[in-house]
Amino acid sequence: MPSATYAVFRNAILAEQQVICSYDGRTRELCPHIIGTNKQGEEAVLAWQFAGESSGRLPQWRCLKLAKVKNARARKGAWHEGGSHKTEQVCVSTIDLDINIDVRKVR
């Protein structure tokens, strides 16, 4: 059974909404793109962080373990995404939902 946090991120992908949350003690403003589980079977999401707090430059891709996410909530706002990938993503190994395949191709 997916966690409540998983449901917030999954629903945000379906609605192309932003997610605000706390991760590693920092406030993150994200657009989630891919959700599922990582190689260890943990819930994970690949998201484009466009604002909020970061130890590095923004914007950038983030791989979040959902067990470490706190206070996640979706909101309406402009959709953000990164440029082309130079490497295949390894954040989510078992993909449940990918915005580019499961959401946008259906429209």
Protein backbone atom coordinates (compact mmCIF):
# COMPACT_ATOMS: atom_id res chain seq x y z
CA MET A 1 0.00 0.00 0.00
CA PRO A 2 1.58 3.31 -1.06
CA SER A 3 2.23 5.95 1.60
CA ALA A 4 0.25 9.19 1.91
CA THR A 5 3.31 11.07 0.63
CA TYR A 6 3.42 8.78 -2.42
CA ALA A 7 -0.22 9.65 -3.12
CA VAL A 8 0.52 13.40 -2.96
CA PHE A 9 3.37 13.11 -5.48
CA ARG A 10 1.49 10.69 -7.76
CA ASN A 11 -1.60 12.91 -7.86
CA ALA A 12 0.61 15.95 -8.52
CA ILE A 13 2.11 14.20 -11.56
CA LEU A 14 -1.34 13.37 -12.91
CA ALA A 15 -2.49 16.99 -12.46
CA GLU A 16 0.88 18.54 -13.47
CA GLN A 17 1.06 20.35 -10.15
CA GLN A 18 4.01 21.51 -8.12
CA VAL A 19 4.88 19.95 -4.76
CA ILE A 20 6.25 21.81 -1.78
CA CYS A 21 7.87 19.73 0.94
CA SER A 22 10.72 19.42 3.38
CA TYR A 23 13.60 17.07 2.53
CA ASP A 24 16.87 16.76 4.44
CA GLY A 25 15.80 19.76 6.54
CA ARG A 26 15.33 22.04 3.54
CA THR A 27 12.18 23.41 1.93
CA ARG A 28 11.92 22.20 -1.67
CA GLU A 29 9.70 23.41 -4.51
CA LEU A 30 9.47 20.66 -7.11
CA CYS A 31 7.74 19.37 -10.20
CA PRO A 32 7.67 15.56 -9.92
CA HIS A 33 8.21 13.65 -13.18
CA ILE A 34 8.68 9.95 -12.37
CA ILE A 35 7.47 7.98 -9.36
CA GLY A 36 7.85 4.36 -8.29
CA THR A 37 10.44 2.44 -6.29
CA ASN A 38 14.23 2.38 -6.31
CA LYS A 39 16.45 -0.71 -6.46
CA GLN A 40 16.03 -1.20 -2.72
CA GLY A 41 12.23 -1.24 -3.06
CA GLU A 42 11.82 2.18 -1.41
CA GLU A 43 9.30 4.69 -2.73
CA ALA A 44 11.16 7.28 -4.81
CA VAL A 45 10.48 10.21 -7.10
CA LEU A 46 12.54 12.00 -9.73
CA ALA A 47 11.66 15.68 -9.60
CA TRP A 48 12.86 18.97 -11.01
CA GLN A 49 13.63 21.33 -8.12
CA PHE A 50 13.12 24.86 -9.40
CA ALA A 51 13.08 26.82 -6.13
CA GLY A 52 13.43 26.54 -2.37
CA GLU A 53 16.52 25.63 -0.40
CA SER A 54 19.42 23.59 -1.70
CA SER A 55 23.04 22.80 -0.91
CA GLY A 56 23.82 23.34 -4.61
CA ARG A 57 22.70 25.37 -7.56
CA LEU A 58 19.09 25.52 -8.64
CA PRO A 59 17.30 24.45 -10.69
CA GLN A 60 18.35 20.80 -10.84
CA TRP A 61 17.05 17.23 -10.91
CA ARG A 62 16.48 15.61 -7.52
CA CYS A 63 16.01 11.99 -6.53
CA LEU A 64 13.96 11.84 -3.34
CA LYS A 65 13.28 8.85 -1.12
CA LEU A 66 9.70 9.49 -0.10
CA ALA A 67 10.22 8.11 3.42
CA LYS A 68 12.41 11.17 4.07
CA VAL A 69 9.88 13.71 2.73
CA LYS A 70 7.90 15.72 5.26
CA ASN A 71 4.84 17.98 4.90
CA ALA A 72 4.32 17.37 1.17
CA ARG A 73 1.49 19.28 -0.44
CA ALA A 74 0.58 19.93 -4.05
CA ARG A 75 -0.22 23.34 -5.45
CA LYS A 76 -1.15 24.86 -8.78
CA GLY A 77 1.58 26.75 -10.58
CA ALA A 78 3.77 26.84 -13.65
CA TRP A 79 5.18 23.46 -14.67
CA HIS A 80 8.98 23.27 -14.66
CA GLU A 81 11.27 20.67 -16.20
CA GLY A 82 14.93 20.31 -16.98
CA GLY A 83 16.62 20.09 -20.32
CA SER A 84 17.55 16.89 -22.05
CA HIS A 85 19.11 14.08 -20.05
CA LYS A 86 22.67 13.12 -20.88
CA THR A 87 22.30 9.85 -18.99
CA GLU A 88 19.42 7.53 -18.25
CA GLN A 89 17.79 8.20 -14.89
CA VAL A 90 18.61 5.67 -12.16
CA CYS A 91 16.49 7.16 -9.39
CA VAL A 92 13.36 5.07 -10.01
CA SER A 93 14.00 1.51 -11.11
CA THR A 94 10.39 0.27 -11.07
CA ILE A 95 8.34 3.06 -12.64
CA ASP A 96 4.70 3.44 -11.63
CA LEU A 97 4.05 6.74 -13.40
CA ASP A 98 6.09 8.88 -15.82
CA ILE A 99 4.58 12.23 -16.79
CA ASN A 100 5.95 12.09 -20.34
CA ILE A 101 4.64 8.60 -21.06
CA ASP A 102 1.59 8.10 -18.87
CA VAL A 103 0.15 11.63 -18.70
CA ARG A 104 1.15 13.72 -21.69
CA LYS A 105 0.88 11.00 -24.35
CA VAL A 106 -2.69 10.31 -23.21
CA ARG A 107 -3.75 13.92 -23.86
